[in-house]
Amino acid sequence: GSLGRDAATGRGVLFATEALLNEHGKSISGQKFVIQGFGNVGSWAAQLIHEKGGKVVALSDITGAIKNSNGIDIPSLLKHVKENKGIKGFHGGDSIDPKSVLVEDCDILIPAALGGVINRENANEIKAKFIIEAANHPTDPEADEILSKKGVIILPDIYANSGGVTVSYFEWVQNIQGFMWDEEKVNSELKTYMTKGFKDVKEMCQTHNCDLRMGAFTLGVNRVARATVLRGWEA
């Protein structure tokens, strides 16, 4: 394995969020976050956002959901989850219905659990200005349309949660070299790739006058098509 692989998807979510906020003249610090899912990706994202001064105001996992408008104490919650196998019973916030976590008041919503959780039933009620897709396909096409009309900016999963596979690629590179990088190098390279990835997606959006999801797909398809032609595989 590679050092830093465990945290890589969550860390990639952090870098992707920073790149998007930077574009809008904002930073992680002082923003209010809601995270659905507290598995590997959600817990690492929460921890790293907390360290950067972001305020996680609501969280959920399979056992329950909590809310604290002053910000949840993430280190205490991590300790609680380790000991109790879930969020349920944590005293650092008020217990809420897990279904309502997506529509809590926040600046940035991070779905980091299941697919299809943002749909036409709840899209109109979402209060976040930005959605960072840390799960695979958390937003239905119908919800995409509703949110787009509301002016909500969605950072698509194909880019936002690619930190894990990127560090798996670094792992392959290290195997070939027979040389192990230290964790600082892994994280630094990941930041470089995630930051450049956002810039490339943004350029594609400007060229085709489209949203971030379409820009990311167009970029991905173009790269595969180009590689196919260069390898002489075209029909």
Protein backbone atom coordinates (compact mmCIF):
# COMPACT_ATOMS: atom_id res chain seq x y z
CA GLY A 1 0.00 0.00 0.00
CA SER A 2 0.87 3.67 0.02
CA LEU A 3 1.14 6.02 2.96
CA GLY A 4 -1.81 8.42 2.99
CA ARG A 5 -4.11 6.02 1.10
CA ASP A 6 -6.53 5.62 4.03
CA ALA A 7 -7.31 9.35 4.16
CA ALA A 8 -6.92 9.96 0.41
CA THR A 9 -10.57 10.18 -0.70
CA GLY A 10 -11.49 12.45 2.23
CA ARG A 11 -8.37 14.55 1.70
CA GLY A 12 -9.20 14.80 -2.00
CA VAL A 13 -12.67 16.07 -1.03
CA LEU A 14 -10.97 18.77 1.08
CA PHE A 15 -8.64 19.83 -1.79
CA ALA A 16 -11.53 19.83 -4.28
CA THR A 17 -13.64 21.96 -1.92
CA GLU A 18 -10.74 24.38 -1.42
CA ALA A 19 -10.30 24.72 -5.21
CA LEU A 20 -14.00 25.44 -5.71
CA LEU A 21 -14.25 27.92 -2.83
CA ASN A 22 -11.07 29.66 -3.97
CA GLU A 23 -12.79 30.28 -7.31
CA HIS A 24 -15.53 32.12 -5.37
CA GLY A 25 -13.16 34.10 -3.14
CA LYS A 26 -13.87 31.94 -0.08
CA SER A 27 -11.93 29.49 2.09
CA ILE A 28 -12.85 26.49 4.28
CA SER A 29 -12.47 28.54 7.45
CA GLY A 30 -15.75 29.95 8.73
CA GLN A 31 -17.96 28.00 6.31
CA LYS A 32 -20.78 25.84 7.67
CA PHE A 33 -20.71 22.20 6.53
CA VAL A 34 -23.20 19.33 6.67
CA ILE A 35 -21.89 15.82 6.00
CA GLN A 36 -24.08 12.80 5.28
CA GLY A 37 -22.11 9.63 6.02
CA PHE A 38 -19.37 9.10 8.58
CA GLY A 39 -17.50 6.15 7.12
CA ASN A 40 -13.96 6.39 5.77
CA VAL A 41 -14.65 9.32 3.42
CA GLY A 42 -17.05 11.31 5.61
CA SER A 43 -15.00 10.98 8.79
CA TRP A 44 -11.73 11.99 7.13
CA ALA A 45 -13.42 14.91 5.32
CA ALA A 46 -14.97 16.07 8.62
CA GLN A 47 -11.66 15.81 10.48
CA LEU A 48 -9.69 17.70 7.81
CA ILE A 49 -12.37 20.39 7.39
CA HIS A 50 -12.45 20.85 11.19
CA GLU A 51 -8.64 21.24 11.25
CA LYS A 52 -8.91 23.94 8.56
CA GLY A 53 -11.40 25.97 10.59
CA GLY A 54 -14.58 24.81 8.87
CA LYS A 55 -17.64 24.36 11.09
CA VAL A 56 -19.40 21.00 10.74
CA VAL A 57 -22.95 21.76 11.96
CA ALA A 58 -24.72 18.46 11.19
CA LEU A 59 -23.65 14.87 10.56
CA SER A 60 -25.28 11.50 10.04
CA ASP A 61 -24.37 7.85 9.70
CA ILE A 62 -26.32 4.59 9.65
CA THR A 63 -26.94 4.78 13.44
CA GLY A 64 -28.35 8.32 13.62
CA ALA A 65 -27.77 12.03 13.07
CA ILE A 66 -26.74 15.03 15.14
CA LYS A 67 -26.79 18.79 14.80
CA ASN A 68 -24.95 21.57 16.62
CA SER A 69 -25.18 25.08 15.16
CA ASN A 70 -22.00 26.08 17.04
CA GLY A 71 -20.07 23.31 15.30
CA ILE A 72 -19.58 19.65 16.26
CA ASP A 73 -16.40 18.73 18.15
CA ILE A 74 -15.04 16.31 15.53
CA PRO A 75 -12.11 14.85 17.58
CA SER A 76 -14.56 13.97 20.41
CA LEU A 77 -17.02 12.50 17.91
CA LEU A 78 -14.30 10.34 16.31
CA LYS A 79 -13.45 8.97 19.75
CA HIS A 80 -17.16 8.29 20.45
CA VAL A 81 -17.64 6.53 17.09
CA LYS A 82 -14.59 4.34 17.68
CA GLU A 83 -15.92 3.26 21.08
CA ASN A 84 -19.63 3.00 20.19
CA LYS A 85 -19.54 1.98 16.50
CA GLY A 86 -21.62 4.97 15.41
CA ILE A 87 -22.79 8.55 15.98
CA LYS A 88 -25.81 7.50 18.07
CA GLY A 89 -25.54 8.57 21.71
CA PHE A 90 -23.00 11.36 21.13
CA HIS A 91 -23.75 14.23 23.54
CA GLY A 92 -22.04 17.02 21.59
CA GLY A 93 -25.16 17.86 19.59
CA ASP A 94 -28.94 17.43 19.35
CA SER A 95 -30.27 14.22 17.85
CA ILE A 96 -32.17 14.81 14.58
CA ASP A 97 -33.93 12.68 11.96
CA PRO A 98 -31.22 11.31 9.59
CA LYS A 99 -33.53 12.06 6.63
CA SER A 100 -33.45 15.80 7.45
CA VAL A 101 -29.65 16.10 7.48
CA LEU A 102 -29.48 16.98 3.77
CA VAL A 103 -31.82 19.95 4.18
CA GLU A 104 -30.16 21.46 7.26
CA ASP A 105 -29.02 25.08 6.95
CA CYS A 106 -25.38 25.23 5.75
CA ASP A 107 -23.04 26.72 3.17
CA ILE A 108 -21.64 23.42 1.89
CA LEU A 109 -23.34 20.03 1.77
CA ILE A 110 -21.21 16.89 1.43
CA PRO A 111 -23.16 13.71 0.66
CA ALA A 112 -20.62 10.97 1.52
CA ALA A 113 -22.86 7.92 1.85
CA LEU A 114 -25.29 6.48 -0.70
CA GLY A 115 -26.26 7.20 -4.29
CA GLY A 116 -29.53 8.90 -5.25
CA VAL A 117 -30.05 10.63 -1.89
CA ILE A 118 -30.64 14.06 -3.45
CA ASN A 119 -33.74 13.73 -5.61
CA ARG A 120 -36.84 15.60 -6.73
CA GLU A 121 -38.46 15.00 -3.30
CA ASN A 122 -35.87 17.00 -1.34
CA ALA A 123 -33.95 19.10 -3.91
CA ASN A 124 -36.18 22.15 -3.44
CA GLU A 125 -35.56 22.14 0.32
CA ILE A 126 -31.76 22.05 0.13
CA LYS A 127 -30.30 25.23 1.62
CA ALA A 128 -26.61 24.71 0.77
CA LYS A 129 -24.96 26.98 -1.79
CA PHE A 130 -22.43 24.30 -2.77
CA ILE A 131 -22.72 20.50 -2.95
CA ILE A 132 -19.54 18.41 -2.96
CA GLU A 133 -20.31 14.89 -4.16
CA ALA A 134 -18.12 12.66 -1.99
CA ALA A 135 -20.42 9.64 -2.57
CA ASN A 136 -20.93 7.98 -5.95
CA HIS A 137 -23.86 9.51 -7.85
CA PRO A 138 -25.65 11.07 -4.84
CA THR A 139 -27.66 13.50 -7.03
CA ASP A 140 -30.41 12.36 -9.41
CA PRO A 141 -30.61 14.06 -12.84
CA GLU A 142 -33.99 15.59 -11.87
CA ALA A 143 -32.48 17.05 -8.70
CA ASP A 144 -29.55 18.34 -10.75
CA GLU A 145 -31.97 20.39 -12.84
CA ILE A 146 -33.88 21.75 -9.81
CA LEU A 147 -30.66 22.72 -7.99
CA SER A 148 -29.17 24.31 -11.09
CA LYS A 149 -32.23 26.58 -11.38
CA LYS A 150 -31.78 27.52 -7.72
CA GLY A 151 -28.17 28.52 -8.44
CA VAL A 152 -26.63 25.73 -6.32
CA ILE A 153 -23.14 24.78 -7.51
CA ILE A 154 -22.48 21.03 -7.60
CA LEU A 155 -18.95 19.64 -7.69
CA PRO A 156 -19.45 16.27 -9.43
CA ASP A 157 -18.40 12.94 -7.95
CA ILE A 158 -16.25 12.02 -10.98
CA TYR A 159 -13.85 14.75 -9.82
CA ALA A 160 -14.71 15.41 -6.15
CA ASN A 161 -14.15 11.87 -4.86
CA SER A 162 -11.24 10.96 -7.12
CA GLY A 163 -8.58 11.41 -4.38
CA GLY A 164 -8.66 7.72 -3.50
CA VAL A 165 -8.05 6.39 -7.01
CA THR A 166 -5.42 9.08 -7.55
CA VAL A 167 -3.43 7.84 -4.55
CA SER A 168 -3.95 4.25 -5.78
CA TYR A 169 -2.25 5.45 -8.97
CA PHE A 170 0.59 6.91 -6.83
CA GLU A 171 0.83 3.48 -5.15
CA TRP A 172 1.33 1.86 -8.59
CA VAL A 173 3.96 4.49 -9.44
CA GLN A 174 5.84 3.75 -6.19
CA ASN A 175 5.70 0.00 -6.90
CA ILE A 176 7.23 0.53 -10.33
CA GLN A 177 9.96 2.74 -8.87
CA GLY A 178 10.58 0.36 -5.98
CA PHE A 179 10.67 3.53 -3.89
CA MET A 180 8.24 4.53 -1.16
CA TRP A 181 7.22 8.18 -0.80
CA ASP A 182 6.67 9.69 2.63
CA GLU A 183 3.14 10.79 3.51
CA GLU A 184 3.91 14.48 3.02
CA LYS A 185 4.97 13.78 -0.58
CA VAL A 186 1.79 11.72 -1.23
CA ASN A 187 -0.45 14.50 0.14
CA SER A 188 1.44 17.21 -1.70
CA GLU A 189 1.15 15.33 -5.04
CA LEU A 190 -2.55 14.71 -4.38
CA LYS A 191 -3.11 18.43 -3.82
CA THR A 192 -1.30 19.22 -7.08
CA TYR A 193 -3.45 16.74 -9.05
CA MET A 194 -6.75 17.82 -7.44
CA THR A 195 -5.98 21.54 -7.96
CA LYS A 196 -4.96 21.02 -11.59
CA GLY A 197 -7.98 18.76 -12.13
CA PHE A 198 -10.31 21.54 -11.03
CA LYS A 199 -8.56 24.04 -13.32
CA ASP A 200 -8.91 21.65 -16.29
CA VAL A 201 -12.62 21.06 -15.57
CA LYS A 202 -13.20 24.80 -15.23
CA GLU A 203 -11.50 25.49 -18.59
CA MET A 204 -13.69 22.87 -20.25
CA CYS A 205 -16.77 24.56 -18.72
CA GLN A 206 -15.71 27.92 -20.14
CA THR A 207 -15.01 26.45 -23.59
CA HIS A 208 -18.40 24.73 -23.82
CA ASN A 209 -20.38 27.10 -21.58
CA CYS A 210 -21.60 24.25 -19.36
CA ASP A 211 -21.84 23.33 -15.67
CA LEU A 212 -19.13 21.49 -13.71
CA ARG A 213 -20.69 18.04 -14.18
CA MET A 214 -20.84 18.35 -17.95
CA GLY A 215 -17.35 19.89 -17.97
CA ALA A 216 -15.93 16.96 -15.99
CA PHE A 217 -17.62 14.35 -18.21
CA THR A 218 -16.53 16.13 -21.39
CA LEU A 219 -12.94 16.29 -20.15
CA GLY A 220 -12.97 12.59 -19.17
CA VAL A 221 -14.52 11.38 -22.43
CA ASN A 222 -12.13 13.56 -24.48
CA ARG A 223 -9.10 12.07 -22.68
CA VAL A 224 -10.27 8.49 -23.24
CA ALA A 225 -11.09 9.22 -26.90
CA ARG A 226 -7.69 10.84 -27.47
CA ALA A 227 -5.83 7.95 -25.80
CA THR A 228 -7.84 5.46 -27.91
CA VAL A 229 -6.91 7.24 -31.15
CA LEU A 230 -3.23 7.58 -30.16
CA ARG A 231 -3.09 3.83 -29.47
CA GLY A 232 -4.52 3.12 -32.93
CA TRP A 233 -7.74 1.57 -31.61
CA GLU A 234 -10.21 3.72 -33.51
CA ALA A 235 -12.78 1.89 -35.60
